[in-house]
Amino acid sequence: MNKTHTKVLVSTLLLWAATIVGANADGNNYTIQPGSVDDPVITKSYFDQNIKQKVMDELAKQSMTEEKIKQIISAELGKGTPGTSNPEVPTPPPASGSSELTVVELKQGQLLYGGAGVEIIVRTGKVTVISTDDNGVADVTSGKDLAAGAAVENNHLLIVPREGRGVKPDPKNKQDIFVMVRGSYVLTNADGSKVTP
């Protein structure tokens, strides 16, 4: 019986040892508590001193500076095809960089041509879209493209995608027309002469 008792004892110990080894084979068997030594909570001052600066340095490497953006825009503008502008349509002067809105009174027979990216808001009166080609201007308030000759609703934001487009008074309009413009524009009479403010 002594041999049987020894075999059972050895078998039990081997089974117990195999269970312990198998249970801990995948690593630690406890859960990590937030804030413990294994998963510390950092303070705001530690973040400000160490992590924040590293994040800002990485973002500075990846982000575009204002100077880089200006260089890209000027390079793209320089790629334009010569001779594609319409000689009958006056070219607005380059934008001065001002983001102020200018109030313009539009009289019957006058045409307001915007430069590329100009924003126009008609405050009073009735106007229609003008364009040197089949395309028109974007009415971002209603989310539509307005073709040449389309009526413009008051207080809608229009964006002129490129030169040679703008607005003119509706021939049936009887009231004063005031338009707010942001960016470069040219105001002309029906005969093509520029209107001086």
Protein backbone atom coordinates (compact mmCIF):
# COMPACT_ATOMS: atom_id res chain seq x y z
CA MET A 1 0.00 0.00 0.00
CA ASN A 2 2.92 2.21 0.51
CA LYS A 3 3.69 2.19 -3.26
CA THR A 4 0.09 2.99 -4.12
CA HIS A 5 -0.04 5.74 -1.53
CA THR A 6 3.20 7.24 -2.96
CA LYS A 7 1.90 7.05 -6.54
CA VAL A 8 -1.35 8.81 -5.57
CA LEU A 9 0.55 11.48 -3.66
CA VAL A 10 2.99 12.08 -6.56
CA SER A 11 0.13 12.13 -9.07
CA THR A 12 -1.81 14.60 -6.93
CA LEU A 13 1.23 16.86 -6.57
CA LEU A 14 1.93 16.76 -10.33
CA LEU A 15 -1.70 17.52 -11.12
CA TRP A 16 -1.71 20.39 -8.63
CA ALA A 17 1.58 21.80 -10.01
CA ALA A 18 0.32 21.51 -13.60
CA THR A 19 -2.85 23.41 -12.66
CA ILE A 20 -0.88 26.22 -11.03
CA VAL A 21 1.58 26.49 -13.93
CA GLY A 22 -1.22 26.37 -16.54
CA ALA A 23 -3.25 29.05 -14.78
CA ASN A 24 -0.32 31.47 -14.68
CA ALA A 25 1.07 30.65 -18.11
CA ASP A 26 -0.49 33.73 -19.77
CA GLY A 27 1.05 36.21 -17.31
CA ASN A 28 -0.31 37.97 -14.27
CA ASN A 29 -3.68 36.76 -13.14
CA TYR A 30 -4.84 39.99 -11.51
CA THR A 31 -6.59 43.03 -12.96
CA ILE A 32 -4.78 46.35 -13.19
CA GLN A 33 -6.37 49.03 -11.08
CA PRO A 34 -6.35 52.59 -12.50
CA GLY A 35 -4.17 54.75 -10.29
CA SER A 36 -2.04 51.82 -9.07
CA VAL A 37 1.71 51.48 -9.56
CA ASP A 38 1.08 49.45 -12.72
CA ASP A 39 -1.34 52.06 -14.18
CA PRO A 40 -0.59 55.47 -12.65
CA VAL A 41 -2.84 58.50 -13.01
CA ILE A 42 -0.86 61.57 -14.08
CA THR A 43 -1.44 65.04 -12.78
CA LYS A 44 -2.15 68.12 -14.88
CA SER A 45 1.23 69.63 -13.97
CA TYR A 46 3.02 66.47 -15.14
CA PHE A 47 1.06 66.60 -18.40
CA ASP A 48 1.82 70.32 -18.88
CA GLN A 49 5.53 69.82 -18.19
CA ASN A 50 6.14 66.64 -20.17
CA ILE A 51 3.43 65.40 -22.49
CA LYS A 52 1.91 68.67 -23.74
CA GLN A 53 5.21 69.95 -25.13
CA LYS A 54 5.86 66.67 -26.96
CA VAL A 55 2.39 66.80 -28.51
CA MET A 56 2.84 70.43 -29.56
CA ASP A 57 6.25 69.65 -31.11
CA GLU A 58 4.76 66.78 -33.11
CA LEU A 59 1.86 68.92 -34.31
CA ALA A 60 4.25 71.69 -35.33
CA LYS A 61 6.12 69.21 -37.53
CA GLN A 62 2.93 68.11 -39.26
CA SER A 63 0.90 71.31 -39.54
CA MET A 64 0.97 73.93 -42.24
CA THR A 65 2.09 77.38 -41.27
CA GLU A 66 0.47 80.48 -42.70
CA GLU A 67 3.64 81.14 -44.70
CA LYS A 68 3.52 77.64 -46.26
CA ILE A 69 -0.12 78.15 -47.22
CA LYS A 70 0.69 81.49 -48.87
CA GLN A 71 3.51 79.87 -50.83
CA ILE A 72 1.25 77.06 -52.06
CA ILE A 73 -1.48 79.49 -53.09
CA SER A 74 0.92 81.78 -54.94
CA ALA A 75 2.46 78.77 -56.71
CA GLU A 76 -1.00 77.55 -57.78
CA LEU A 77 -2.04 81.02 -58.96
CA GLY A 78 1.11 81.22 -61.05
CA LYS A 79 0.07 78.06 -62.93
CA GLY A 80 -2.92 79.75 -64.61
CA THR A 81 -3.17 79.47 -68.36
CA PRO A 82 -2.32 82.75 -70.04
CA GLY A 83 -4.97 84.34 -72.18
CA THR A 84 -7.94 82.57 -70.55
CA SER A 85 -9.46 85.64 -68.92
CA ASN A 86 -12.24 87.46 -70.71
CA PRO A 87 -10.97 90.87 -71.89
CA GLU A 88 -14.48 92.38 -71.63
CA VAL A 89 -14.76 91.68 -67.91
CA PRO A 90 -12.68 93.88 -65.63
CA THR A 91 -10.37 92.00 -63.31
CA PRO A 92 -10.80 92.87 -59.63
CA PRO A 93 -7.67 93.98 -57.80
CA PRO A 94 -6.08 91.39 -55.53
CA ALA A 95 -7.69 91.10 -52.11
CA SER A 96 -6.12 93.34 -49.52
CA GLY A 97 -6.36 90.62 -46.87
CA SER A 98 -9.07 92.48 -45.02
CA SER A 99 -11.98 90.47 -43.74
CA GLU A 100 -14.26 93.48 -43.40
CA LEU A 101 -17.58 93.71 -45.19
CA THR A 102 -17.98 96.69 -47.50
CA VAL A 103 -21.46 98.09 -48.10
CA VAL A 104 -21.99 98.92 -51.79
CA GLU A 105 -24.98 100.71 -53.29
CA LEU A 106 -25.82 99.12 -56.64
CA LYS A 107 -27.69 101.37 -59.05
CA GLN A 108 -29.70 100.37 -62.12
CA GLY A 109 -27.36 99.51 -65.00
CA GLN A 110 -24.33 98.82 -62.81
CA LEU A 111 -22.58 95.46 -62.59
CA LEU A 112 -20.70 94.12 -59.57
CA TYR A 113 -17.99 91.61 -60.52
CA GLY A 114 -16.32 89.72 -57.67
CA GLY A 115 -12.85 88.26 -57.58
CA ALA A 116 -12.31 84.58 -56.83
CA GLY A 117 -13.63 83.70 -53.38
CA VAL A 118 -15.52 86.93 -52.83
CA GLU A 119 -18.54 86.82 -50.54
CA ILE A 120 -21.66 88.82 -51.47
CA ILE A 121 -24.81 89.36 -49.42
CA VAL A 122 -27.72 91.26 -50.99
CA ARG A 123 -29.42 93.25 -48.22
CA THR A 124 -32.14 95.16 -50.09
CA GLY A 125 -33.52 95.21 -53.60
CA LYS A 126 -33.67 92.56 -56.30
CA VAL A 127 -30.61 91.40 -58.23
CA THR A 128 -29.71 88.63 -60.66
CA VAL A 129 -26.53 86.65 -61.21
CA ILE A 130 -24.17 87.59 -64.03
CA SER A 131 -21.49 85.34 -65.47
CA THR A 132 -19.22 85.30 -68.50
CA ASP A 133 -19.80 81.55 -68.95
CA ASP A 134 -22.58 79.04 -68.30
CA ASN A 135 -21.70 78.68 -64.63
CA GLY A 136 -22.80 81.06 -61.93
CA VAL A 137 -22.21 81.62 -58.23
CA ALA A 138 -22.76 79.45 -55.17
CA ASP A 139 -25.64 80.34 -52.84
CA VAL A 140 -24.31 78.73 -49.69
CA THR A 141 -27.36 79.69 -47.64
CA SER A 142 -29.68 77.53 -49.74
CA GLY A 143 -26.96 75.12 -50.90
CA LYS A 144 -27.56 75.74 -54.61
CA ASP A 145 -25.61 76.95 -57.61
CA LEU A 146 -27.22 79.99 -59.21
CA ALA A 147 -26.75 80.16 -62.97
CA ALA A 148 -26.46 83.42 -64.90
CA GLY A 149 -29.78 85.28 -64.88
CA ALA A 150 -31.11 83.61 -61.72
CA ALA A 151 -32.69 85.82 -59.07
CA VAL A 152 -30.83 86.17 -55.78
CA GLU A 153 -32.73 86.10 -52.49
CA ASN A 154 -31.99 88.79 -49.93
CA ASN A 155 -29.73 87.96 -46.99
CA HIS A 156 -28.27 84.86 -48.72
CA LEU A 157 -24.52 84.41 -48.73
CA LEU A 158 -23.12 84.08 -52.24
CA ILE A 159 -19.56 82.98 -53.00
CA VAL A 160 -18.00 83.85 -56.34
CA PRO A 161 -15.84 80.87 -57.38
CA ARG A 162 -13.81 82.73 -60.01
CA GLU A 163 -13.53 86.09 -61.74
CA GLY A 164 -16.10 87.15 -64.32
CA ARG A 165 -19.12 86.51 -62.11
CA GLY A 166 -21.22 88.69 -59.86
CA VAL A 167 -24.60 90.41 -59.62
CA LYS A 168 -26.57 93.15 -61.37
CA PRO A 169 -29.88 94.87 -60.57
CA ASP A 170 -33.04 93.17 -61.77
CA PRO A 171 -34.56 95.38 -64.54
CA LYS A 172 -37.91 95.35 -62.70
CA ASN A 173 -36.39 96.55 -59.42
CA LYS A 174 -37.78 99.85 -58.12
CA GLN A 175 -36.06 100.12 -54.73
CA ASP A 176 -32.52 100.92 -53.57
CA ILE A 177 -30.09 98.02 -53.72
CA PHE A 178 -27.49 97.60 -51.02
CA VAL A 179 -24.99 94.75 -51.15
CA MET A 180 -22.34 93.73 -48.63
CA VAL A 181 -19.09 92.49 -50.17
CA ARG A 182 -16.08 90.81 -48.56
CA GLY A 183 -13.00 90.62 -50.77
CA SER A 184 -11.95 92.22 -54.06
CA TYR A 185 -14.60 93.43 -56.48
CA VAL A 186 -15.13 95.82 -59.39
CA LEU A 187 -18.23 97.96 -59.83
CA THR A 188 -18.85 98.99 -63.44
CA ASN A 189 -21.46 100.87 -65.41
CA ALA A 190 -23.33 99.21 -68.28
CA ASP A 191 -20.82 100.72 -70.76
CA GLY A 192 -17.91 99.02 -68.95
CA SER A 193 -16.49 102.11 -67.23
CA LYS A 194 -15.45 101.62 -63.61
CA VAL A 195 -17.50 103.30 -60.90
CA THR A 196 -15.37 105.21 -58.44
CA PRO A 197 -16.57 105.16 -54.82
